[in-house]
Amino acid sequence: DAGDYLEYMQRLGIDTSLVKVLPDTFTPQCFITTDLDSNQIAS
C-alpha cells in the first residue's frame, strides 16, 4: 500500500532506491492520540 508514499518522496527528490517493497505485507502504521498538554499515546 506504499505506492503513494514512494511517489511523494520521489517528487521531493528523495532517493527511494533503498526502500524495499514487500508485496505480501502492509506498510507500518502508527496510531497516535495527542492531548492538550502535547502528551501522546501511540499504537
PDB file of all heavy atoms in Angstrom:
ATOM      1  N   ASP A   1       0.805  -1.218   0.000  1.00  0.00           N
ATOM      2  CA  ASP A   1       0.000   0.000   0.000  1.00  0.00           C
ATOM      3  C   ASP A   1       0.844   1.277   0.000  1.00  0.00           C
ATOM      4  O   ASP A   1       0.322   2.369   0.220  1.00  0.00           O
ATOM      5  CB  ASP A   1      -0.922   0.007   1.225  1.00  0.00           C
ATOM      6  CG  ASP A   1      -0.166  -0.188   2.536  1.00  0.00           C
ATOM      7  OD1 ASP A   1       0.964  -0.722   2.511  1.00  0.00           O
ATOM      8  OD2 ASP A   1      -0.694   0.187   3.599  1.00  0.00           O
ATOM      9  N   ALA A   2       2.152   1.179  -0.271  1.00  0.00           N
ATOM     10  CA  ALA A   2       3.057   2.319  -0.112  1.00  0.00           C
ATOM     11  C   ALA A   2       3.286   3.134  -1.384  1.00  0.00           C
ATOM     12  O   ALA A   2       4.101   4.054  -1.378  1.00  0.00           O
ATOM     13  CB  ALA A   2       4.406   1.832   0.411  1.00  0.00           C
ATOM     14  N   GLY A   3       2.559   2.813  -2.460  1.00  0.00           N
ATOM     15  CA  GLY A   3       2.834   3.475  -3.735  1.00  0.00           C
ATOM     16  C   GLY A   3       2.791   4.988  -3.676  1.00  0.00           C
ATOM     17  O   GLY A   3       3.682   5.672  -4.201  1.00  0.00           O
ATOM     18  N   ASP A   4       1.755   5.537  -3.007  1.00  0.00           N
ATOM     19  CA  ASP A   4       1.641   6.994  -2.973  1.00  0.00           C
ATOM     20  C   ASP A   4       2.754   7.625  -2.146  1.00  0.00           C
ATOM     21  O   ASP A   4       3.236   8.721  -2.464  1.00  0.00           O
ATOM     22  CB  ASP A   4       0.270   7.421  -2.457  1.00  0.00           C
ATOM     23  CG  ASP A   4      -0.024   6.931  -1.054  1.00  0.00           C
ATOM     24  OD1 ASP A   4       0.468   5.845  -0.691  1.00  0.00           O
ATOM     25  OD2 ASP A   4      -0.748   7.627  -0.315  1.00  0.00           O
ATOM     26  N   TYR A   5       3.200   6.940  -1.088  1.00  0.00           N
ATOM     27  CA  TYR A   5       4.285   7.472  -0.258  1.00  0.00           C
ATOM     28  C   TYR A   5       5.591   7.505  -1.062  1.00  0.00           C
ATOM     29  O   TYR A   5       6.328   8.499  -1.046  1.00  0.00           O
ATOM     30  CB  TYR A   5       4.440   6.609   0.997  1.00  0.00           C
ATOM     31  CG  TYR A   5       5.209   7.260   2.141  1.00  0.00           C
ATOM     32  CD1 TYR A   5       5.131   6.731   3.421  1.00  0.00           C
ATOM     33  CD2 TYR A   5       6.006   8.392   1.964  1.00  0.00           C
ATOM     34  CE1 TYR A   5       5.809   7.313   4.489  1.00  0.00           C
ATOM     35  CE2 TYR A   5       6.700   8.968   3.013  1.00  0.00           C
ATOM     36  CZ  TYR A   5       6.594   8.421   4.272  1.00  0.00           C
ATOM     37  OH  TYR A   5       7.290   8.995   5.322  1.00  0.00           O
ATOM     38  N   LEU A   6       5.864   6.449  -1.795  1.00  0.00           N
ATOM     39  CA  LEU A   6       7.088   6.398  -2.596  1.00  0.00           C
ATOM     40  C   LEU A   6       7.069   7.478  -3.680  1.00  0.00           C
ATOM     41  O   LEU A   6       8.078   8.161  -3.918  1.00  0.00           O
ATOM     42  CB  LEU A   6       7.244   5.018  -3.226  1.00  0.00           C
ATOM     43  CG  LEU A   6       7.511   3.864  -2.249  1.00  0.00           C
ATOM     44  CD1 LEU A   6       7.493   2.520  -2.983  1.00  0.00           C
ATOM     45  CD2 LEU A   6       8.843   4.048  -1.534  1.00  0.00           C
ATOM     46  N   GLU A   7       5.930   7.651  -4.336  1.00  0.00           N
ATOM     47  CA  GLU A   7       5.819   8.692  -5.362  1.00  0.00           C
ATOM     48  C   GLU A   7       6.009  10.077  -4.760  1.00  0.00           C
ATOM     49  O   GLU A   7       6.644  10.954  -5.358  1.00  0.00           O
ATOM     50  CB  GLU A   7       4.451   8.592  -6.048  1.00  0.00           C
ATOM     51  CG  GLU A   7       4.299   7.350  -6.912  1.00  0.00           C
ATOM     52  CD  GLU A   7       2.893   7.188  -7.439  1.00  0.00           C
ATOM     53  OE1 GLU A   7       2.064   8.121  -7.234  1.00  0.00           O
ATOM     54  OE2 GLU A   7       2.594   6.142  -8.049  1.00  0.00           O
ATOM     55  N   TYR A   8       5.451  10.282  -3.578  1.00  0.00           N
ATOM     56  CA  TYR A   8       5.592  11.558  -2.867  1.00  0.00           C
ATOM     57  C   TYR A   8       7.066  11.859  -2.573  1.00  0.00           C
ATOM     58  O   TYR A   8       7.544  12.972  -2.836  1.00  0.00           O
ATOM     59  CB  TYR A   8       4.769  11.473  -1.584  1.00  0.00           C
ATOM     60  CG  TYR A   8       5.147  12.417  -0.466  1.00  0.00           C
ATOM     61  CD1 TYR A   8       4.746  13.750  -0.481  1.00  0.00           C
ATOM     62  CD2 TYR A   8       5.866  11.953   0.634  1.00  0.00           C
ATOM     63  CE1 TYR A   8       5.074  14.606   0.568  1.00  0.00           C
ATOM     64  CE2 TYR A   8       6.200  12.790   1.680  1.00  0.00           C
ATOM     65  CZ  TYR A   8       5.798  14.122   1.642  1.00  0.00           C
ATOM     66  OH  TYR A   8       6.130  14.955   2.685  1.00  0.00           O
ATOM     67  N   MET A   9       7.803  10.877  -2.064  1.00  0.00           N
ATOM     68  CA  MET A   9       9.224  11.098  -1.776  1.00  0.00           C
ATOM     69  C   MET A   9      10.006  11.377  -3.053  1.00  0.00           C
ATOM     70  O   MET A   9      10.889  12.244  -3.084  1.00  0.00           O
ATOM     71  CB  MET A   9       9.811   9.892  -1.024  1.00  0.00           C
ATOM     72  CG  MET A   9       9.401   9.819   0.428  1.00  0.00           C
ATOM     73  SD  MET A   9      10.419   8.689   1.433  1.00  0.00           S
ATOM     74  CE  MET A   9       9.782   7.120   0.902  1.00  0.00           C
ATOM     75  N   GLN A  10       9.675  10.654  -4.105  1.00  0.00           N
ATOM     76  CA  GLN A  10      10.375  10.861  -5.375  1.00  0.00           C
ATOM     77  C   GLN A  10      10.114  12.258  -5.933  1.00  0.00           C
ATOM     78  O   GLN A  10      11.019  12.888  -6.477  1.00  0.00           O
ATOM     79  CB  GLN A  10       9.951   9.770  -6.369  1.00  0.00           C
ATOM     80  CG  GLN A  10      10.491   8.392  -5.997  1.00  0.00           C
ATOM     81  CD  GLN A  10       9.721   7.252  -6.645  1.00  0.00           C
ATOM     82  OE1 GLN A  10       8.821   7.469  -7.454  1.00  0.00           O
ATOM     83  NE2 GLN A  10      10.069   6.023  -6.288  1.00  0.00           N
ATOM     84  N   ARG A  11       8.889  12.770  -5.765  1.00  0.00           N
ATOM     85  CA  ARG A  11       8.589  14.133  -6.208  1.00  0.00           C
ATOM     86  C   ARG A  11       9.410  15.161  -5.436  1.00  0.00           C
ATOM     87  O   ARG A  11       9.777  16.216  -5.971  1.00  0.00           O
ATOM     88  CB  ARG A  11       7.092  14.438  -6.044  1.00  0.00           C
ATOM     89  CG  ARG A  11       6.192  13.746  -7.039  1.00  0.00           C
ATOM     90  CD  ARG A  11       4.816  14.396  -7.086  1.00  0.00           C
ATOM     91  NE  ARG A  11       4.163  14.424  -5.767  1.00  0.00           N
ATOM     92  CZ  ARG A  11       3.382  13.463  -5.314  1.00  0.00           C
ATOM     93  NH1 ARG A  11       3.153  12.378  -6.049  1.00  0.00           N
ATOM     94  NH2 ARG A  11       2.817  13.572  -4.125  1.00  0.00           N
ATOM     95  N   LEU A  12       9.702  14.860  -4.189  1.00  0.00           N
ATOM     96  CA  LEU A  12      10.519  15.750  -3.369  1.00  0.00           C
ATOM     97  C   LEU A  12      12.007  15.655  -3.729  1.00  0.00           C
ATOM     98  O   LEU A  12      12.809  16.458  -3.256  1.00  0.00           O
ATOM     99  CB  LEU A  12      10.352  15.412  -1.885  1.00  0.00           C
ATOM    100  CG  LEU A  12       8.985  15.708  -1.261  1.00  0.00           C
ATOM    101  CD1 LEU A  12       8.941  15.182   0.176  1.00  0.00           C
ATOM    102  CD2 LEU A  12       8.674  17.196  -1.294  1.00  0.00           C
ATOM    103  N   GLY A  13      12.361  14.661  -4.536  1.00  0.00           N
ATOM    104  CA  GLY A  13      13.762  14.460  -4.899  1.00  0.00           C
ATOM    105  C   GLY A  13      14.517  13.578  -3.936  1.00  0.00           C
ATOM    106  O   GLY A  13      15.753  13.594  -3.904  1.00  0.00           O
ATOM    107  N   ILE A  14      13.779  12.783  -3.155  1.00  0.00           N
ATOM    108  CA  ILE A  14      14.409  11.860  -2.210  1.00  0.00           C
ATOM    109  C   ILE A  14      14.635  10.519  -2.900  1.00  0.00           C
ATOM    110  O   ILE A  14      13.724   9.959  -3.519  1.00  0.00           O
ATOM    111  CB  ILE A  14      13.533  11.680  -0.955  1.00  0.00           C
ATOM    112  CG1 ILE A  14      13.428  13.007  -0.189  1.00  0.00           C
ATOM    113  CG2 ILE A  14      14.090  10.593  -0.041  1.00  0.00           C
ATOM    114  CD1 ILE A  14      12.444  12.982   0.970  1.00  0.00           C
ATOM    115  N   ASP A  15      15.840  10.003  -2.793  1.00  0.00           N
ATOM    116  CA  ASP A  15      16.229   8.728  -3.387  1.00  0.00           C
ATOM    117  C   ASP A  15      15.553   7.585  -2.635  1.00  0.00           C
ATOM    118  O   ASP A  15      15.816   7.376  -1.448  1.00  0.00           O
ATOM    119  CB  ASP A  15      17.755   8.603  -3.316  1.00  0.00           C
ATOM    120  CG  ASP A  15      18.289   7.313  -3.942  1.00  0.00           C
ATOM    121  OD1 ASP A  15      17.485   6.435  -4.306  1.00  0.00           O
ATOM    122  OD2 ASP A  15      19.528   7.188  -4.041  1.00  0.00           O
ATOM    123  N   THR A  16      14.674   6.834  -3.293  1.00  0.00           N
ATOM    124  CA  THR A  16      13.956   5.737  -2.643  1.00  0.00           C
ATOM    125  C   THR A  16      14.524   4.364  -3.015  1.00  0.00           C
ATOM    126  O   THR A  16      13.865   3.343  -2.815  1.00  0.00           O
ATOM    127  CB  THR A  16      12.462   5.780  -3.002  1.00  0.00           C
ATOM    128  OG1 THR A  16      12.317   5.661  -4.428  1.00  0.00           O
ATOM    129  CG2 THR A  16      11.819   7.069  -2.538  1.00  0.00           C
ATOM    130  N   SER A  17      15.729   4.336  -3.556  1.00  0.00           N
ATOM    131  CA  SER A  17      16.288   3.073  -4.045  1.00  0.00           C
ATOM    132  C   SER A  17      16.515   2.055  -2.935  1.00  0.00           C
ATOM    133  O   SER A  17      16.596   0.849  -3.209  1.00  0.00           O
ATOM    134  CB  SER A  17      17.609   3.337  -4.790  1.00  0.00           C
ATOM    135  OG  SER A  17      18.571   3.929  -3.929  1.00  0.00           O
ATOM    136  N   LEU A  18      16.637   2.502  -1.683  1.00  0.00           N
ATOM    137  CA  LEU A  18      16.855   1.578  -0.565  1.00  0.00           C
ATOM    138  C   LEU A  18      15.607   1.399   0.298  1.00  0.00           C
ATOM    139  O   LEU A  18      15.686   0.913   1.422  1.00  0.00           O
ATOM    140  CB  LEU A  18      18.031   2.046   0.287  1.00  0.00           C
ATOM    141  CG  LEU A  18      19.414   1.925  -0.368  1.00  0.00           C
ATOM    142  CD1 LEU A  18      20.511   2.446   0.551  1.00  0.00           C
ATOM    143  CD2 LEU A  18      19.706   0.483  -0.780  1.00  0.00           C
ATOM    144  N   VAL A  19      14.457   1.782  -0.258  1.00  0.00           N
ATOM    145  CA  VAL A  19      13.182   1.462   0.385  1.00  0.00           C
ATOM    146  C   VAL A  19      12.633   0.229  -0.318  1.00  0.00           C
ATOM    147  O   VAL A  19      12.255   0.287  -1.490  1.00  0.00           O
ATOM    148  CB  VAL A  19      12.181   2.629   0.295  1.00  0.00           C
ATOM    149  CG1 VAL A  19      10.854   2.239   0.952  1.00  0.00           C
ATOM    150  CG2 VAL A  19      12.751   3.880   0.945  1.00  0.00           C
ATOM    151  N   LYS A  20      12.623  -0.867   0.377  1.00  0.00           N
ATOM    152  CA  LYS A  20      12.244  -2.151  -0.222  1.00  0.00           C
ATOM    153  C   LYS A  20      10.755  -2.421  -0.035  1.00  0.00           C
ATOM    154  O   LYS A  20      10.229  -2.314   1.080  1.00  0.00           O
ATOM    155  CB  LYS A  20      13.060  -3.279   0.420  1.00  0.00           C
ATOM    156  CG  LYS A  20      12.828  -4.654  -0.193  1.00  0.00           C
ATOM    157  CD  LYS A  20      13.779  -5.687   0.409  1.00  0.00           C
ATOM    158  CE  LYS A  20      13.616  -7.050  -0.255  1.00  0.00           C
ATOM    159  NZ  LYS A  20      14.587  -8.044   0.277  1.00  0.00           N
ATOM    160  N   VAL A  21      10.078  -2.773  -1.126  1.00  0.00           N
ATOM    161  CA  VAL A  21       8.651  -3.085  -1.080  1.00  0.00           C
ATOM    162  C   VAL A  21       8.476  -4.591  -0.892  1.00  0.00           C
ATOM    163  O   VAL A  21       8.981  -5.387  -1.684  1.00  0.00           O
ATOM    164  CB  VAL A  21       7.939  -2.630  -2.363  1.00  0.00           C
ATOM    165  CG1 VAL A  21       6.453  -2.989  -2.296  1.00  0.00           C
ATOM    166  CG2 VAL A  21       8.104  -1.128  -2.561  1.00  0.00           C
ATOM    167  N   LEU A  22       7.751  -4.964   0.155  1.00  0.00           N
ATOM    168  CA  LEU A  22       7.420  -6.372   0.416  1.00  0.00           C
ATOM    169  C   LEU A  22       5.938  -6.544   0.097  1.00  0.00           C
ATOM    170  O   LEU A  22       5.080  -6.147   0.892  1.00  0.00           O
ATOM    171  CB  LEU A  22       7.711  -6.733   1.877  1.00  0.00           C
ATOM    172  CG  LEU A  22       9.150  -6.496   2.338  1.00  0.00           C
ATOM    173  CD1 LEU A  22       9.295  -6.809   3.821  1.00  0.00           C
ATOM    174  CD2 LEU A  22      10.120  -7.352   1.526  1.00  0.00           C
ATOM    175  N   PRO A  23       5.605  -7.124  -1.065  1.00  0.00           N
ATOM    176  CA  PRO A  23       4.227  -7.101  -1.567  1.00  0.00           C
ATOM    177  C   PRO A  23       3.222  -7.900  -0.749  1.00  0.00           C
ATOM    178  O   PRO A  23       2.019  -7.724  -0.907  1.00  0.00           O
ATOM    179  CB  PRO A  23       4.366  -7.668  -2.985  1.00  0.00           C
ATOM    180  CG  PRO A  23       5.634  -8.461  -2.970  1.00  0.00           C
ATOM    181  CD  PRO A  23       6.541  -7.761  -2.013  1.00  0.00           C
ATOM    182  N   ASP A  24       3.685  -8.776   0.147  1.00  0.00           N
ATOM    183  CA  ASP A  24       2.753  -9.581   0.936  1.00  0.00           C
ATOM    184  C   ASP A  24       2.507  -8.991   2.316  1.00  0.00           C
ATOM    185  O   ASP A  24       2.020  -9.674   3.227  1.00  0.00           O
ATOM    186  CB  ASP A  24       3.281 -11.017   1.071  1.00  0.00           C
ATOM    187  CG  ASP A  24       4.674 -11.073   1.685  1.00  0.00           C
ATOM    188  OD1 ASP A  24       5.389 -10.046   1.642  1.00  0.00           O
ATOM    189  OD2 ASP A  24       5.047 -12.145   2.208  1.00  0.00           O
ATOM    190  N   THR A  25       2.812  -7.711   2.490  1.00  0.00           N
ATOM    191  CA  THR A  25       2.624  -7.048   3.785  1.00  0.00           C
ATOM    192  C   THR A  25       1.982  -5.680   3.590  1.00  0.00           C
ATOM    193  O   THR A  25       1.865  -5.185   2.468  1.00  0.00           O
ATOM    194  CB  THR A  25       3.979  -6.832   4.501  1.00  0.00           C
ATOM    195  OG1 THR A  25       4.763  -5.911   3.730  1.00  0.00           O
ATOM    196  CG2 THR A  25       4.751  -8.136   4.655  1.00  0.00           C
ATOM    197  N   PHE A  26       1.590  -5.071   4.707  1.00  0.00           N
ATOM    198  CA  PHE A  26       1.160  -3.685   4.708  1.00  0.00           C
ATOM    199  C   PHE A  26       2.305  -2.801   5.195  1.00  0.00           C
ATOM    200  O   PHE A  26       3.202  -3.247   5.911  1.00  0.00           O
ATOM    201  CB  PHE A  26      -0.052  -3.478   5.628  1.00  0.00           C
ATOM    202  CG  PHE A  26      -1.328  -4.048   5.088  1.00  0.00           C
ATOM    203  CD1 PHE A  26      -1.908  -5.167   5.670  1.00  0.00           C
ATOM    204  CD2 PHE A  26      -1.960  -3.456   4.006  1.00  0.00           C
ATOM    205  CE1 PHE A  26      -3.081  -5.697   5.177  1.00  0.00           C
ATOM    206  CE2 PHE A  26      -3.147  -3.979   3.499  1.00  0.00           C
ATOM    207  CZ  PHE A  26      -3.705  -5.102   4.092  1.00  0.00           C
ATOM    208  N   THR A  27       2.258  -1.540   4.811  1.00  0.00           N
ATOM    209  CA  THR A  27       3.221  -0.564   5.309  1.00  0.00           C
ATOM    210  C   THR A  27       2.974  -0.345   6.806  1.00  0.00           C
ATOM    211  O   THR A  27       1.820  -0.334   7.246  1.00  0.00           O
ATOM    212  CB  THR A  27       3.053   0.765   4.543  1.00  0.00           C
ATOM    213  OG1 THR A  27       3.322   0.515   3.163  1.00  0.00           O
ATOM    214  CG2 THR A  27       3.998   1.833   5.061  1.00  0.00           C
ATOM    215  N   PRO A  28       4.030  -0.178   7.597  1.00  0.00           N
ATOM    216  CA  PRO A  28       3.836   0.104   9.024  1.00  0.00           C
ATOM    217  C   PRO A  28       2.905   1.291   9.235  1.00  0.00           C
ATOM    218  O   PRO A  28       2.882   2.229   8.432  1.00  0.00           O
ATOM    219  CB  PRO A  28       5.250   0.434   9.512  1.00  0.00           C
ATOM    220  CG  PRO A  28       6.147  -0.265   8.553  1.00  0.00           C
ATOM    221  CD  PRO A  28       5.448  -0.233   7.233  1.00  0.00           C
ATOM    222  N   GLN A  29       2.141   1.243  10.306  1.00  0.00           N
ATOM    223  CA  GLN A  29       1.231   2.346  10.601  1.00  0.00           C
ATOM    224  C   GLN A  29       1.210   2.627  12.090  1.00  0.00           C
ATOM    225  O   GLN A  29       1.105   1.708  12.915  1.00  0.00           O
ATOM    226  CB  GLN A  29      -0.181   2.056  10.119  1.00  0.00           C
ATOM    227  CG  GLN A  29      -1.125   3.217  10.349  1.00  0.00           C
ATOM    228  CD  GLN A  29      -2.337   3.237   9.449  1.00  0.00           C
ATOM    229  OE1 GLN A  29      -3.195   4.093   9.587  1.00  0.00           O
ATOM    230  NE2 GLN A  29      -2.420   2.319   8.498  1.00  0.00           N
ATOM    231  N   CYS A  30       1.311   3.916  12.420  1.00  0.00           N
ATOM    232  CA  CYS A  30       1.277   4.355  13.806  1.00  0.00           C
ATOM    233  C   CYS A  30      -0.028   5.107  14.054  1.00  0.00           C
ATOM    234  O   CYS A  30      -0.423   5.964  13.252  1.00  0.00           O
ATOM    235  CB  CYS A  30       2.472   5.268  14.106  1.00  0.00           C
ATOM    236  SG  CYS A  30       2.681   5.620  15.862  1.00  0.00           S
ATOM    237  N   PHE A  31      -0.700   4.759  15.137  1.00  0.00           N
ATOM    238  CA  PHE A  31      -1.926   5.426  15.549  1.00  0.00           C
ATOM    239  C   PHE A  31      -1.599   6.258  16.784  1.00  0.00           C
ATOM    240  O   PHE A  31      -1.241   5.704  17.833  1.00  0.00           O
ATOM    241  CB  PHE A  31      -3.012   4.402  15.860  1.00  0.00           C
ATOM    242  CG  PHE A  31      -3.322   3.476  14.715  1.00  0.00           C
ATOM    243  CD1 PHE A  31      -2.597   2.300  14.536  1.00  0.00           C
ATOM    244  CD2 PHE A  31      -4.322   3.774  13.809  1.00  0.00           C
ATOM    245  CE1 PHE A  31      -2.871   1.438  13.480  1.00  0.00           C
ATOM    246  CE2 PHE A  31      -4.601   2.920  12.750  1.00  0.00           C
ATOM    247  CZ  PHE A  31      -3.880   1.754  12.581  1.00  0.00           C
ATOM    248  N   ILE A  32      -1.700   7.573  16.655  1.00  0.00           N
ATOM    249  CA  ILE A  32      -1.239   8.481  17.704  1.00  0.00           C
ATOM    250  C   ILE A  32      -2.396   9.350  18.186  1.00  0.00           C
ATOM    251  O   ILE A  32      -3.106   9.953  17.379  1.00  0.00           O
ATOM    252  CB  ILE A  32      -0.120   9.411  17.177  1.00  0.00           C
ATOM    253  CG1 ILE A  32       1.057   8.589  16.656  1.00  0.00           C
ATOM    254  CG2 ILE A  32       0.352  10.382  18.266  1.00  0.00           C
ATOM    255  CD1 ILE A  32       2.059   9.398  15.844  1.00  0.00           C
ATOM    256  N   THR A  33      -2.566   9.407  19.507  1.00  0.00           N
ATOM    257  CA  THR A  33      -3.519  10.332  20.101  1.00  0.00           C
ATOM    258  C   THR A  33      -2.744  11.326  20.960  1.00  0.00           C
ATOM    259  O   THR A  33      -1.945  10.932  21.810  1.00  0.00           O
ATOM    260  CB  THR A  33      -4.570   9.601  20.960  1.00  0.00           C
ATOM    261  OG1 THR A  33      -5.275   8.670  20.138  1.00  0.00           O
ATOM    262  CG2 THR A  33      -5.556  10.584  21.562  1.00  0.00           C
ATOM    263  N   THR A  34      -2.979  12.612  20.720  1.00  0.00           N
ATOM    264  CA  THR A  34      -2.294  13.692  21.435  1.00  0.00           C
ATOM    265  C   THR A  34      -3.316  14.471  22.256  1.00  0.00           C
ATOM    266  O   THR A  34      -4.424  14.739  21.773  1.00  0.00           O
ATOM    267  CB  THR A  34      -1.611  14.654  20.437  1.00  0.00           C
ATOM    268  OG1 THR A  34      -0.673  13.920  19.653  1.00  0.00           O
ATOM    269  CG2 THR A  34      -0.884  15.771  21.159  1.00  0.00           C
ATOM    270  N   ASP A  35      -2.952  14.828  23.506  1.00  0.00           N
ATOM    271  CA  ASP A  35      -3.870  15.629  24.320  1.00  0.00           C
ATOM    272  C   ASP A  35      -3.464  17.097  24.294  1.00  0.00           C
ATOM    273  O   ASP A  35      -2.513  17.494  23.600  1.00  0.00           O
ATOM    274  CB  ASP A  35      -3.980  15.071  25.741  1.00  0.00           C
ATOM    275  CG  ASP A  35      -2.770  15.376  26.622  1.00  0.00           C
ATOM    276  OD1 ASP A  35      -1.770  15.950  26.132  1.00  0.00           O
ATOM    277  OD2 ASP A  35      -2.823  15.036  27.818  1.00  0.00           O
ATOM    278  N   LEU A  36      -4.151  17.931  25.045  1.00  0.00           N
ATOM    279  CA  LEU A  36      -3.913  19.367  25.009  1.00  0.00           C
ATOM    280  C   LEU A  36      -2.610  19.772  25.692  1.00  0.00           C
ATOM    281  O   LEU A  36      -2.183  20.923  25.563  1.00  0.00           O
ATOM    282  CB  LEU A  36      -5.091  20.112  25.654  1.00  0.00           C
ATOM    283  CG  LEU A  36      -6.430  19.990  24.911  1.00  0.00           C
ATOM    284  CD1 LEU A  36      -7.505  20.804  25.615  1.00  0.00           C
ATOM    285  CD2 LEU A  36      -6.297  20.430  23.454  1.00  0.00           C
ATOM    286  N   ASP A  37      -1.983  18.841  26.421  1.00  0.00           N
ATOM    287  CA  ASP A  37      -0.669  19.095  27.019  1.00  0.00           C
ATOM    288  C   ASP A  37       0.453  18.604  26.108  1.00  0.00           C
ATOM    289  O   ASP A  37       1.614  18.568  26.522  1.00  0.00           O
ATOM    290  CB  ASP A  37      -0.545  18.396  28.385  1.00  0.00           C
ATOM    291  CG  ASP A  37      -1.457  19.016  29.430  1.00  0.00           C
ATOM    292  OD1 ASP A  37      -1.628  20.253  29.385  1.00  0.00           O
ATOM    293  OD2 ASP A  37      -2.002  18.279  30.270  1.00  0.00           O
ATOM    294  N   SER A  38       0.112  18.170  24.897  1.00  0.00           N
ATOM    295  CA  SER A  38       1.068  17.617  23.933  1.00  0.00           C
ATOM    296  C   SER A  38       1.637  16.266  24.365  1.00  0.00           C
ATOM    297  O   SER A  38       2.676  15.833  23.877  1.00  0.00           O
ATOM    298  CB  SER A  38       2.221  18.607  23.652  1.00  0.00           C
ATOM    299  OG  SER A  38       1.718  19.779  23.058  1.00  0.00           O
ATOM    300  N   ASN A  39       0.969  15.602  25.303  1.00  0.00           N
ATOM    301  CA  ASN A  39       1.322  14.224  25.623  1.00  0.00           C
ATOM    302  C   ASN A  39       0.756  13.311  24.534  1.00  0.00           C
ATOM    303  O   ASN A  39      -0.231  13.657  23.880  1.00  0.00           O
ATOM    304  CB  ASN A  39       0.748  13.819  26.984  1.00  0.00           C
ATOM    305  CG  ASN A  39       1.324  14.644  28.107  1.00  0.00           C
ATOM    306  OD1 ASN A  39       2.537  14.770  28.235  1.00  0.00           O
ATOM    307  ND2 ASN A  39       0.464  15.227  28.924  1.00  0.00           N
ATOM    308  N   GLN A  40       1.398  12.149  24.367  1.00  0.00           N
ATOM    309  CA  GLN A  40       0.974  11.256  23.301  1.00  0.00           C
ATOM    310  C   GLN A  40       0.774   9.834  23.804  1.00  0.00           C
ATOM    311  O   GLN A  40       1.511   9.354  24.677  1.00  0.00           O
ATOM    312  CB  GLN A  40       2.019  11.209  22.175  1.00  0.00           C
ATOM    313  CG  GLN A  40       2.146  12.491  21.387  1.00  0.00           C
ATOM    314  CD  GLN A  40       3.124  12.355  20.236  1.00  0.00           C
ATOM    315  OE1 GLN A  40       4.028  11.534  20.268  1.00  0.00           O
ATOM    316  NE2 GLN A  40       2.942  13.162  19.211  1.00  0.00           N
ATOM    317  N   ILE A  41      -0.218   9.165  23.249  1.00  0.00           N
ATOM    318  CA  ILE A  41      -0.395   7.719  23.409  1.00  0.00           C
ATOM    319  C   ILE A  41      -0.390   7.140  22.002  1.00  0.00           C
ATOM    320  O   ILE A  41      -1.152   7.589  21.140  1.00  0.00           O
ATOM    321  CB  ILE A  41      -1.701   7.368  24.133  1.00  0.00           C
ATOM    322  CG1 ILE A  41      -1.675   7.888  25.585  1.00  0.00           C
ATOM    323  CG2 ILE A  41      -1.929   5.856  24.121  1.00  0.00           C
ATOM    324  CD1 ILE A  41      -2.988   7.698  26.316  1.00  0.00           C
ATOM    325  N   ALA A  42       0.482   6.176  21.758  1.00  0.00           N
ATOM    326  CA  ALA A  42       0.633   5.651  20.400  1.00  0.00           C
ATOM    327  C   ALA A  42       0.536   4.126  20.380  1.00  0.00           C
ATOM    328  O   ALA A  42       0.930   3.442  21.331  1.00  0.00           O
ATOM    329  CB  ALA A  42       1.975   6.086  19.820  1.00  0.00           C
ATOM    330  N   SER A  43      -0.018   3.615  19.285  1.00  0.00           N
ATOM    331  CA  SER A  43      -0.015   2.180  18.992  1.00  0.00           C
ATOM    332  C   SER A  43       0.606   2.008  17.614  1.00  0.00           C
ATOM    333  O   SER A  43       0.404   2.843  16.732  1.00  0.00           O
ATOM    334  CB  SER A  43      -1.435   1.613  18.989  1.00  0.00           C
ATOM    335  OG  SER A  43      -2.075   1.844  20.211  1.00  0.00           O
TER     336      SER A  43
END
